[in-house]
């Protein structure tokens, strides 16, 4: 499994450490809230809200440089439109990897 990184954030910040830290703080504050909402929506079997949660989290996946994981999340988002929840375990692995990584930065 690929590992999250800060390359994209560093590119966006363009050497501005203050901006880099602000972007990291945003990801660190928003991700847990979005992850919690995702699991609540999944538990409630609310397909539409689960799809919306995946869409929001997908942006964090991209920002953290997870290209393969982004593709998985994108497929999962589209699958959910068809009430297909088969990629839940793959998506869970991504969420776990990001959660662990955010504790280290």
PDB file of N, CA and C in Angstrom:
ATOM      1  N   UNK A   1       0.853  -1.183   0.000  1.00  0.00           N
ATOM      2  CA  UNK A   1       0.000   0.000   0.000  1.00  0.00           C
ATOM      3  C   UNK A   1       0.895   1.241   0.000  1.00  0.00           C
ATOM      4  N   UNK A   2       0.494   2.207  -0.789  1.00  0.00           N
ATOM      5  CA  UNK A   2       1.252   3.455  -0.846  1.00  0.00           C
ATOM      6  C   UNK A   2       1.127   4.209   0.472  1.00  0.00           C
ATOM      7  N   UNK A   3       2.054   5.091   0.714  1.00  0.00           N
ATOM      8  CA  UNK A   3       2.082   5.831   1.977  1.00  0.00           C
ATOM      9  C   UNK A   3       1.764   7.305   1.736  1.00  0.00           C
ATOM     10  N   UNK A   4       0.971   7.893   2.636  1.00  0.00           N
ATOM     11  CA  UNK A   4       0.686   9.329   2.527  1.00  0.00           C
ATOM     12  C   UNK A   4       1.979  10.140   2.610  1.00  0.00           C
ATOM     13  N   UNK A   5       1.951  11.315   2.002  1.00  0.00           N
ATOM     14  CA  UNK A   5       3.120  12.194   2.040  1.00  0.00           C
ATOM     15  C   UNK A   5       2.674  13.648   1.915  1.00  0.00           C
ATOM     16  N   UNK A   6       3.632  14.533   2.069  1.00  0.00           N
ATOM     17  CA  UNK A   6       3.338  15.972   2.036  1.00  0.00           C
ATOM     18  C   UNK A   6       3.813  16.644   0.746  1.00  0.00           C
ATOM     19  N   UNK A   7       4.192  15.880  -0.250  1.00  0.00           N
ATOM     20  CA  UNK A   7       4.750  16.460  -1.473  1.00  0.00           C
ATOM     21  C   UNK A   7       3.806  17.472  -2.124  1.00  0.00           C
ATOM     22  N   UNK A   8       2.542  17.119  -2.233  1.00  0.00           N
ATOM     23  CA  UNK A   8       1.583  18.032  -2.867  1.00  0.00           C
ATOM     24  C   UNK A   8       1.381  19.284  -2.015  1.00  0.00           C
ATOM     25  N   UNK A   9       1.282  19.110  -0.718  1.00  0.00           N
ATOM     26  CA  UNK A   9       1.118  20.253   0.183  1.00  0.00           C
ATOM     27  C   UNK A   9       2.339  21.164   0.086  1.00  0.00           C
ATOM     28  N   UNK A  10       3.520  20.573   0.058  1.00  0.00           N
ATOM     29  CA  UNK A  10       4.743  21.366  -0.068  1.00  0.00           C
ATOM     30  C   UNK A  10       4.789  22.118  -1.391  1.00  0.00           C
ATOM     31  N   UNK A  11       4.304  21.481  -2.444  1.00  0.00           N
ATOM     32  CA  UNK A  11       4.248  22.135  -3.754  1.00  0.00           C
ATOM     33  C   UNK A  11       3.276  23.316  -3.713  1.00  0.00           C
ATOM     34  N   UNK A  12       2.126  23.109  -3.114  1.00  0.00           N
ATOM     35  CA  UNK A  12       1.139  24.187  -2.983  1.00  0.00           C
ATOM     36  C   UNK A  12       1.683  25.351  -2.170  1.00  0.00           C
ATOM     37  N   UNK A  13       2.400  25.027  -1.105  1.00  0.00           N
ATOM     38  CA  UNK A  13       2.925  26.052  -0.198  1.00  0.00           C
ATOM     39  C   UNK A  13       4.075  26.826  -0.831  1.00  0.00           C
ATOM     40  N   UNK A  14       4.760  26.240  -1.792  1.00  0.00           N
ATOM     41  CA  UNK A  14       5.841  26.940  -2.482  1.00  0.00           C
ATOM     42  C   UNK A  14       6.923  27.465  -1.553  1.00  0.00           C
ATOM     43  N   UNK A  15       7.263  26.682  -0.540  1.00  0.00           N
ATOM     44  CA  UNK A  15       8.318  27.103   0.383  1.00  0.00           C
ATOM     45  C   UNK A  15       7.841  27.943   1.554  1.00  0.00           C
ATOM     46  N   UNK A  16       6.579  28.292   1.579  1.00  0.00           N
ATOM     47  CA  UNK A  16       6.007  29.079   2.671  1.00  0.00           C
ATOM     48  C   UNK A  16       5.596  28.126   3.798  1.00  0.00           C
ATOM     49  N   UNK A  17       6.419  28.043   4.837  1.00  0.00           N
ATOM     50  CA  UNK A  17       6.146  27.110   5.941  1.00  0.00           C
ATOM     51  C   UNK A  17       4.852  27.422   6.671  1.00  0.00           C
ATOM     52  N   UNK A  18       4.505  28.687   6.748  1.00  0.00           N
ATOM     53  CA  UNK A  18       3.268  29.072   7.406  1.00  0.00           C
ATOM     54  C   UNK A  18       2.064  28.496   6.639  1.00  0.00           C
ATOM     55  N   UNK A  19       2.097  28.612   5.337  1.00  0.00           N
ATOM     56  CA  UNK A  19       1.008  28.066   4.516  1.00  0.00           C
ATOM     57  C   UNK A  19       1.001  26.546   4.588  1.00  0.00           C
ATOM     58  N   UNK A  20       2.175  25.948   4.534  1.00  0.00           N
ATOM     59  CA  UNK A  20       2.284  24.488   4.631  1.00  0.00           C
ATOM     60  C   UNK A  20       1.641  24.006   5.934  1.00  0.00           C
ATOM     61  N   UNK A  21       1.991  24.653   7.038  1.00  0.00           N
ATOM     62  CA  UNK A  21       1.436  24.256   8.334  1.00  0.00           C
ATOM     63  C   UNK A  21      -0.071  24.472   8.407  1.00  0.00           C
ATOM     64  N   UNK A  22      -0.536  25.533   7.777  1.00  0.00           N
ATOM     65  CA  UNK A  22      -1.979  25.809   7.759  1.00  0.00           C
ATOM     66  C   UNK A  22      -2.720  24.719   6.978  1.00  0.00           C
ATOM     67  N   UNK A  23      -2.163  24.319   5.843  1.00  0.00           N
ATOM     68  CA  UNK A  23      -2.783  23.253   5.045  1.00  0.00           C
ATOM     69  C   UNK A  23      -2.796  21.934   5.816  1.00  0.00           C
ATOM     70  N   UNK A  24      -1.701  21.642   6.490  1.00  0.00           N
ATOM     71  CA  UNK A  24      -1.631  20.418   7.300  1.00  0.00           C
ATOM     72  C   UNK A  24      -2.673  20.472   8.420  1.00  0.00           C
ATOM     73  N   UNK A  25      -2.781  21.612   9.068  1.00  0.00           N
ATOM     74  CA  UNK A  25      -3.764  21.763  10.146  1.00  0.00           C
ATOM     75  C   UNK A  25      -5.192  21.561   9.646  1.00  0.00           C
ATOM     76  N   UNK A  26      -5.464  22.068   8.448  1.00  0.00           N
ATOM     77  CA  UNK A  26      -6.802  21.895   7.871  1.00  0.00           C
ATOM     78  C   UNK A  26      -7.092  20.419   7.650  1.00  0.00           C
ATOM     79  N   UNK A  27      -6.151  19.721   7.048  1.00  0.00           N
ATOM     80  CA  UNK A  27      -6.337  18.290   6.802  1.00  0.00           C
ATOM     81  C   UNK A  27      -6.502  17.548   8.128  1.00  0.00           C
ATOM     82  N   UNK A  28      -5.663  17.872   9.101  1.00  0.00           N
ATOM     83  CA  UNK A  28      -5.710  17.189  10.393  1.00  0.00           C
ATOM     84  C   UNK A  28      -7.009  17.458  11.151  1.00  0.00           C
ATOM     85  N   UNK A  29      -7.597  18.617  10.951  1.00  0.00           N
ATOM     86  CA  UNK A  29      -8.845  18.926  11.662  1.00  0.00           C
ATOM     87  C   UNK A  29     -10.076  18.405  10.912  1.00  0.00           C
ATOM     88  N   UNK A  30     -10.049  18.467   9.585  1.00  0.00           N
ATOM     89  CA  UNK A  30     -11.218  18.053   8.807  1.00  0.00           C
ATOM     90  C   UNK A  30     -11.321  16.534   8.643  1.00  0.00           C
ATOM     91  N   UNK A  31     -10.191  15.871   8.458  1.00  0.00           N
ATOM     92  CA  UNK A  31     -10.230  14.435   8.170  1.00  0.00           C
ATOM     93  C   UNK A  31     -10.962  13.617   9.235  1.00  0.00           C
ATOM     94  N   UNK A  32     -10.651  13.781  10.522  1.00  0.00           N
ATOM     95  CA  UNK A  32     -11.364  12.971  11.528  1.00  0.00           C
ATOM     96  C   UNK A  32     -12.878  13.186  11.520  1.00  0.00           C
ATOM     97  N   UNK A  33     -13.298  14.409  11.284  1.00  0.00           N
ATOM     98  CA  UNK A  33     -14.733  14.721  11.235  1.00  0.00           C
ATOM     99  C   UNK A  33     -15.371  14.027  10.031  1.00  0.00           C
ATOM    100  N   UNK A  34     -14.704  14.110   8.893  1.00  0.00           N
ATOM    101  CA  UNK A  34     -15.225  13.484   7.677  1.00  0.00           C
ATOM    102  C   UNK A  34     -15.224  11.962   7.785  1.00  0.00           C
ATOM    103  N   UNK A  35     -14.187  11.423   8.421  1.00  0.00           N
ATOM    104  CA  UNK A  35     -14.112   9.967   8.612  1.00  0.00           C
ATOM    105  C   UNK A  35     -15.243   9.496   9.524  1.00  0.00           C
ATOM    106  N   UNK A  36     -15.488  10.227  10.599  1.00  0.00           N
ATOM    107  CA  UNK A  36     -16.564   9.868  11.520  1.00  0.00           C
ATOM    108  C   UNK A  36     -17.919   9.903  10.811  1.00  0.00           C
ATOM    109  N   UNK A  37     -18.143  10.940  10.017  1.00  0.00           N
ATOM    110  CA  UNK A  37     -19.398  11.052   9.271  1.00  0.00           C
ATOM    111  C   UNK A  37     -19.546   9.889   8.292  1.00  0.00           C
ATOM    112  N   UNK A  38     -18.445   9.532   7.641  1.00  0.00           N
ATOM    113  CA  UNK A  38     -18.471   8.403   6.702  1.00  0.00           C
ATOM    114  C   UNK A  38     -18.930   7.134   7.413  1.00  0.00           C
ATOM    115  N   UNK A  39     -18.317   6.822   8.562  1.00  0.00           N
ATOM    116  CA  UNK A  39     -18.671   5.591   9.274  1.00  0.00           C
ATOM    117  C   UNK A  39     -20.103   5.633   9.808  1.00  0.00           C
ATOM    118  N   UNK A  40     -20.553   6.798  10.226  1.00  0.00           N
ATOM    119  CA  UNK A  40     -21.947   6.916  10.683  1.00  0.00           C
ATOM    120  C   UNK A  40     -22.914   6.696   9.521  1.00  0.00           C
ATOM    121  N   UNK A  41     -22.612   7.305   8.371  1.00  0.00           N
ATOM    122  CA  UNK A  41     -23.477   7.144   7.204  1.00  0.00           C
ATOM    123  C   UNK A  41     -23.474   5.703   6.711  1.00  0.00           C
ATOM    124  N   UNK A  42     -22.315   5.065   6.764  1.00  0.00           N
ATOM    125  CA  UNK A  42     -22.198   3.669   6.357  1.00  0.00           C
ATOM    126  C   UNK A  42     -23.004   2.780   7.295  1.00  0.00           C
ATOM    127  N   UNK A  43     -22.865   3.022   8.583  1.00  0.00           N
ATOM    128  CA  UNK A  43     -23.594   2.244   9.594  1.00  0.00           C
ATOM    129  C   UNK A  43     -25.104   2.385   9.399  1.00  0.00           C
ATOM    130  N   UNK A  44     -25.536   3.599   9.060  1.00  0.00           N
ATOM    131  CA  UNK A  44     -26.964   3.863   8.851  1.00  0.00           C
ATOM    132  C   UNK A  44     -27.453   3.438   7.474  1.00  0.00           C
ATOM    133  N   UNK A  45     -26.524   2.903   6.664  1.00  0.00           N
ATOM    134  CA  UNK A  45     -26.832   2.441   5.305  1.00  0.00           C
ATOM    135  C   UNK A  45     -27.457   3.550   4.467  1.00  0.00           C
ATOM    136  N   UNK A  46     -26.969   4.767   4.689  1.00  0.00           N
ATOM    137  CA  UNK A  46     -27.431   5.919   3.916  1.00  0.00           C
ATOM    138  C   UNK A  46     -26.491   6.078   2.712  1.00  0.00           C
ATOM    139  N   UNK A  47     -26.891   5.504   1.618  1.00  0.00           N
ATOM    140  CA  UNK A  47     -26.052   5.448   0.421  1.00  0.00           C
ATOM    141  C   UNK A  47     -25.638   6.829  -0.058  1.00  0.00           C
ATOM    142  N   UNK A  48     -26.550   7.755  -0.119  1.00  0.00           N
ATOM    143  CA  UNK A  48     -26.255   9.091  -0.643  1.00  0.00           C
ATOM    144  C   UNK A  48     -25.259   9.827   0.260  1.00  0.00           C
ATOM    145  N   UNK A  49     -25.493   9.808   1.552  1.00  0.00           N
ATOM    146  CA  UNK A  49     -24.588  10.497   2.469  1.00  0.00           C
ATOM    147  C   UNK A  49     -23.228   9.805   2.537  1.00  0.00           C
ATOM    148  N   UNK A  50     -23.217   8.484   2.405  1.00  0.00           N
ATOM    149  CA  UNK A  50     -21.941   7.764   2.367  1.00  0.00           C
ATOM    150  C   UNK A  50     -21.155   8.185   1.143  1.00  0.00           C
ATOM    151  N   UNK A  51     -21.828   8.280   0.023  1.00  0.00           N
ATOM    152  CA  UNK A  51     -21.191   8.735  -1.222  1.00  0.00           C
ATOM    153  C   UNK A  51     -20.627  10.147  -1.043  1.00  0.00           C
ATOM    154  N   UNK A  52     -21.382  11.033  -0.417  1.00  0.00           N
ATOM    155  CA  UNK A  52     -20.914  12.406  -0.172  1.00  0.00           C
ATOM    156  C   UNK A  52     -19.687  12.413   0.745  1.00  0.00           C
ATOM    157  N   UNK A  53     -19.691  11.546   1.736  1.00  0.00           N
ATOM    158  CA  UNK A  53     -18.541  11.453   2.641  1.00  0.00           C
ATOM    159  C   UNK A  53     -17.295  10.985   1.904  1.00  0.00           C
ATOM    160  N   UNK A  54     -17.454   9.980   1.064  1.00  0.00           N
ATOM    161  CA  UNK A  54     -16.329   9.480   0.279  1.00  0.00           C
ATOM    162  C   UNK A  54     -15.800  10.597  -0.619  1.00  0.00           C
ATOM    163  N   UNK A  55     -16.688  11.369  -1.206  1.00  0.00           N
ATOM    164  CA  UNK A  55     -16.280  12.468  -2.083  1.00  0.00           C
ATOM    165  C   UNK A  55     -15.416  13.481  -1.316  1.00  0.00           C
ATOM    166  N   UNK A  56     -15.833  13.832  -0.113  1.00  0.00           N
ATOM    167  CA  UNK A  56     -15.070  14.791   0.693  1.00  0.00           C
ATOM    168  C   UNK A  56     -13.709  14.223   1.084  1.00  0.00           C
ATOM    169  N   UNK A  57     -13.693  12.970   1.503  1.00  0.00           N
ATOM    170  CA  UNK A  57     -12.445  12.334   1.930  1.00  0.00           C
ATOM    171  C   UNK A  57     -11.504  12.158   0.743  1.00  0.00           C
ATOM    172  N   UNK A  58     -12.067  11.958  -0.408  1.00  0.00           N
ATOM    173  CA  UNK A  58     -11.274  11.759  -1.621  1.00  0.00           C
ATOM    174  C   UNK A  58     -10.317  12.926  -1.855  1.00  0.00           C
ATOM    175  N   UNK A  59     -10.734  14.117  -1.500  1.00  0.00           N
ATOM    176  CA  UNK A  59      -9.869  15.288  -1.663  1.00  0.00           C
ATOM    177  C   UNK A  59      -8.669  15.224  -0.708  1.00  0.00           C
ATOM    178  N   UNK A  60      -8.888  14.733   0.494  1.00  0.00           N
ATOM    179  CA  UNK A  60      -7.777  14.576   1.439  1.00  0.00           C
ATOM    180  C   UNK A  60      -6.802  13.524   0.924  1.00  0.00           C
ATOM    181  N   UNK A  61      -7.346  12.472   0.334  1.00  0.00           N
ATOM    182  CA  UNK A  61      -6.510  11.415  -0.225  1.00  0.00           C
ATOM    183  C   UNK A  61      -5.597  11.997  -1.296  1.00  0.00           C
ATOM    184  N   UNK A  62      -6.142  12.829  -2.136  1.00  0.00           N
ATOM    185  CA  UNK A  62      -5.363  13.461  -3.201  1.00  0.00           C
ATOM    186  C   UNK A  62      -4.302  14.398  -2.632  1.00  0.00           C
ATOM    187  N   UNK A  63      -4.689  15.202  -1.681  1.00  0.00           N
ATOM    188  CA  UNK A  63      -3.773  16.170  -1.071  1.00  0.00           C
ATOM    189  C   UNK A  63      -2.596  15.465  -0.403  1.00  0.00           C
ATOM    190  N   UNK A  64      -2.835  14.258   0.102  1.00  0.00           N
ATOM    191  CA  UNK A  64      -1.779  13.506   0.770  1.00  0.00           C
ATOM    192  C   UNK A  64      -1.002  12.606  -0.190  1.00  0.00           C
ATOM    193  N   UNK A  65      -1.134  12.865  -1.483  1.00  0.00           N
ATOM    194  CA  UNK A  65      -0.306  12.210  -2.489  1.00  0.00           C
ATOM    195  C   UNK A  65      -0.594  10.744  -2.736  1.00  0.00           C
ATOM    196  N   UNK A  66      -1.786  10.306  -2.421  1.00  0.00           N
ATOM    197  CA  UNK A  66      -2.147   8.895  -2.584  1.00  0.00           C
ATOM    198  C   UNK A  66      -2.875   8.679  -3.905  1.00  0.00           C
ATOM    199  N   UNK A  67      -2.115   8.576  -4.966  1.00  0.00           N
ATOM    200  CA  UNK A  67      -2.700   8.490  -6.304  1.00  0.00           C
ATOM    201  C   UNK A  67      -3.507   7.207  -6.520  1.00  0.00           C
ATOM    202  N   UNK A  68      -2.958   6.073  -6.139  1.00  0.00           N
ATOM    203  CA  UNK A  68      -3.681   4.803  -6.301  1.00  0.00           C
ATOM    204  C   UNK A  68      -4.909   4.771  -5.402  1.00  0.00           C
ATOM    205  N   UNK A  69      -4.748   5.255  -4.201  1.00  0.00           N
ATOM    206  CA  UNK A  69      -5.878   5.282  -3.260  1.00  0.00           C
ATOM    207  C   UNK A  69      -6.977   6.218  -3.755  1.00  0.00           C
ATOM    208  N   UNK A  70      -6.584   7.298  -4.403  1.00  0.00           N
ATOM    209  CA  UNK A  70      -7.563   8.226  -4.971  1.00  0.00           C
ATOM    210  C   UNK A  70      -8.410   7.502  -6.020  1.00  0.00           C
ATOM    211  N   UNK A  71      -7.761   6.705  -6.842  1.00  0.00           N
ATOM    212  CA  UNK A  71      -8.493   5.953  -7.873  1.00  0.00           C
ATOM    213  C   UNK A  71      -9.465   4.961  -7.242  1.00  0.00           C
ATOM    214  N   UNK A  72      -9.020   4.317  -6.169  1.00  0.00           N
ATOM    215  CA  UNK A  72      -9.901   3.386  -5.455  1.00  0.00           C
ATOM    216  C   UNK A  72     -11.097   4.138  -4.879  1.00  0.00           C
ATOM    217  N   UNK A  73     -10.833   5.279  -4.246  1.00  0.00           N
ATOM    218  CA  UNK A  73     -11.912   6.082  -3.654  1.00  0.00           C
ATOM    219  C   UNK A  73     -12.873   6.580  -4.729  1.00  0.00           C
ATOM    220  N   UNK A  74     -12.335   6.968  -5.869  1.00  0.00           N
ATOM    221  CA  UNK A  74     -13.174   7.445  -6.963  1.00  0.00           C
ATOM    222  C   UNK A  74     -14.084   6.322  -7.466  1.00  0.00           C
ATOM    223  N   UNK A  75     -13.520   5.126  -7.611  1.00  0.00           N
ATOM    224  CA  UNK A  75     -14.336   3.979  -8.040  1.00  0.00           C
ATOM    225  C   UNK A  75     -15.394   3.658  -7.003  1.00  0.00           C
ATOM    226  N   UNK A  76     -14.998   3.716  -5.717  1.00  0.00           N
ATOM    227  CA  UNK A  76     -15.943   3.450  -4.637  1.00  0.00           C
ATOM    228  C   UNK A  76     -17.082   4.460  -4.659  1.00  0.00           C
ATOM    229  N   UNK A  77     -16.746   5.716  -4.845  1.00  0.00           N
ATOM    230  CA  UNK A  77     -17.774   6.763  -4.914  1.00  0.00           C
ATOM    231  C   UNK A  77     -18.765   6.455  -6.035  1.00  0.00           C
ATOM    232  N   UNK A  78     -18.256   6.085  -7.191  1.00  0.00           N
ATOM    233  CA  UNK A  78     -19.137   5.761  -8.321  1.00  0.00           C
ATOM    234  C   UNK A  78     -19.925   4.479  -8.064  1.00  0.00           C
ATOM    235  N   UNK A  79     -19.299   3.504  -7.419  1.00  0.00           N
ATOM    236  CA  UNK A  79     -19.998   2.265  -7.072  1.00  0.00           C
ATOM    237  C   UNK A  79     -21.173   2.534  -6.145  1.00  0.00           C
ATOM    238  N   UNK A  80     -20.974   3.457  -5.222  1.00  0.00           N
ATOM    239  CA  UNK A  80     -22.037   3.757  -4.267  1.00  0.00           C
ATOM    240  C   UNK A  80     -23.288   4.293  -4.965  1.00  0.00           C
ATOM    241  N   UNK A  81     -23.105   4.945  -6.086  1.00  0.00           N
ATOM    242  CA  UNK A  81     -24.261   5.437  -6.850  1.00  0.00           C
ATOM    243  C   UNK A  81     -25.145   4.281  -7.323  1.00  0.00           C
ATOM    244  N   UNK A  82     -24.529   3.111  -7.427  1.00  0.00           N
ATOM    245  CA  UNK A  82     -25.240   1.903  -7.849  1.00  0.00           C
ATOM    246  C   UNK A  82     -25.540   0.997  -6.644  1.00  0.00           C
ATOM    247  N   UNK A  83     -25.409   1.554  -5.442  1.00  0.00           N
ATOM    248  CA  UNK A  83     -25.635   0.822  -4.189  1.00  0.00           C
ATOM    249  C   UNK A  83     -24.681  -0.362  -4.046  1.00  0.00           C
ATOM    250  N   UNK A  84     -23.480  -0.210  -4.573  1.00  0.00           N
ATOM    251  CA  UNK A  84     -22.457  -1.246  -4.512  1.00  0.00           C
ATOM    252  C   UNK A  84     -21.450  -0.855  -3.427  1.00  0.00           C
ATOM    253  N   UNK A  85     -21.413  -1.641  -2.369  1.00  0.00           N
ATOM    254  CA  UNK A  85     -20.545  -1.345  -1.226  1.00  0.00           C
ATOM    255  C   UNK A  85     -19.336  -2.280  -1.166  1.00  0.00           C
ATOM    256  N   UNK A  86     -18.979  -2.908  -2.269  1.00  0.00           N
ATOM    257  CA  UNK A  86     -17.919  -3.915  -2.285  1.00  0.00           C
ATOM    258  C   UNK A  86     -16.534  -3.368  -1.933  1.00  0.00           C
ATOM    259  N   UNK A  87     -16.291  -2.112  -2.129  1.00  0.00           N
ATOM    260  CA  UNK A  87     -14.954  -1.550  -1.883  1.00  0.00           C
ATOM    261  C   UNK A  87     -14.783  -0.985  -0.468  1.00  0.00           C
ATOM    262  N   UNK A  88     -15.697  -1.301   0.420  1.00  0.00           N
ATOM    263  CA  UNK A  88     -15.627  -0.783   1.785  1.00  0.00           C
ATOM    264  C   UNK A  88     -14.300  -1.145   2.445  1.00  0.00           C
ATOM    265  N   UNK A  89     -13.872  -2.393   2.339  1.00  0.00           N
ATOM    266  CA  UNK A  89     -12.637  -2.822   2.998  1.00  0.00           C
ATOM    267  C   UNK A  89     -11.420  -2.106   2.421  1.00  0.00           C
ATOM    268  N   UNK A  90     -11.397  -1.918   1.112  1.00  0.00           N
ATOM    269  CA  UNK A  90     -10.288  -1.187   0.496  1.00  0.00           C
ATOM    270  C   UNK A  90     -10.257   0.255   0.984  1.00  0.00           C
ATOM    271  N   UNK A  91     -11.427   0.867   1.084  1.00  0.00           N
ATOM    272  CA  UNK A  91     -11.518   2.249   1.551  1.00  0.00           C
ATOM    273  C   UNK A  91     -11.113   2.336   3.024  1.00  0.00           C
ATOM    274  N   UNK A  92     -11.506   1.346   3.813  1.00  0.00           N
ATOM    275  CA  UNK A  92     -11.119   1.317   5.228  1.00  0.00           C
ATOM    276  C   UNK A  92      -9.598   1.319   5.375  1.00  0.00           C
ATOM    277  N   UNK A  93      -8.905   0.560   4.551  1.00  0.00           N
ATOM    278  CA  UNK A  93      -7.442   0.506   4.607  1.00  0.00           C
ATOM    279  C   UNK A  93      -6.839   1.883   4.344  1.00  0.00           C
ATOM    280  N   UNK A  94      -7.424   2.600   3.422  1.00  0.00           N
ATOM    281  CA  UNK A  94      -6.953   3.956   3.108  1.00  0.00           C
ATOM    282  C   UNK A  94      -7.159   4.864   4.316  1.00  0.00           C
ATOM    283  N   UNK A  95      -8.335   4.790   4.915  1.00  0.00           N
ATOM    284  CA  UNK A  95      -8.635   5.631   6.078  1.00  0.00           C
ATOM    285  C   UNK A  95      -7.697   5.328   7.246  1.00  0.00           C
ATOM    286  N   UNK A  96      -7.393   4.068   7.440  1.00  0.00           N
ATOM    287  CA  UNK A  96      -6.476   3.676   8.510  1.00  0.00           C
ATOM    288  C   UNK A  96      -5.081   4.233   8.248  1.00  0.00           C
ATOM    289  N   UNK A  97      -4.622   4.099   7.009  1.00  0.00           N
ATOM    290  CA  UNK A  97      -3.281   4.604   6.656  1.00  0.00           C
ATOM    291  C   UNK A  97      -3.193   6.114   6.881  1.00  0.00           C
ATOM    292  N   UNK A  98      -4.230   6.830   6.474  1.00  0.00           N
ATOM    293  CA  UNK A  98      -4.223   8.290   6.652  1.00  0.00           C
ATOM    294  C   UNK A  98      -4.281   8.644   8.136  1.00  0.00           C
ATOM    295  N   UNK A  99      -5.112   7.957   8.890  1.00  0.00           N
ATOM    296  CA  UNK A  99      -5.225   8.223  10.325  1.00  0.00           C
ATOM    297  C   UNK A  99      -3.893   8.050  11.029  1.00  0.00           C
ATOM    298  N   UNK A 100      -3.200   6.972  10.717  1.00  0.00           N
ATOM    299  CA  UNK A 100      -1.885   6.736  11.322  1.00  0.00           C
ATOM    300  C   UNK A 100      -0.895   7.817  10.911  1.00  0.00           C
ATOM    301  N   UNK A 101      -0.915   8.176   9.647  1.00  0.00           N
ATOM    302  CA  UNK A 101       0.026   9.171   9.143  1.00  0.00           C
ATOM    303  C   UNK A 101      -0.202  10.535   9.795  1.00  0.00           C
ATOM    304  N   UNK A 102      -1.445  10.933   9.926  1.00  0.00           N
ATOM    305  CA  UNK A 102      -1.741  12.260  10.486  1.00  0.00           C
ATOM    306  C   UNK A 102      -1.265  12.376  11.933  1.00  0.00           C
ATOM    307  N   UNK A 103      -1.128  11.271  12.615  1.00  0.00           N
ATOM    308  CA  UNK A 103      -0.605  11.305  13.985  1.00  0.00           C
ATOM    309  C   UNK A 103       0.888  11.580  14.007  1.00  0.00           C
ATOM    310  N   UNK A 104       1.555  11.377  12.862  1.00  0.00           N
ATOM    311  CA  UNK A 104       3.013  11.528  12.819  1.00  0.00           C
ATOM    312  C   UNK A 104       3.468  12.886  12.317  1.00  0.00           C
ATOM    313  N   UNK A 105       2.549  13.684  11.792  1.00  0.00           N
ATOM    314  CA  UNK A 105       2.962  14.987  11.248  1.00  0.00           C
ATOM    315  C   UNK A 105       2.475  16.119  12.123  1.00  0.00           C
TER     316      UNK A 105
END
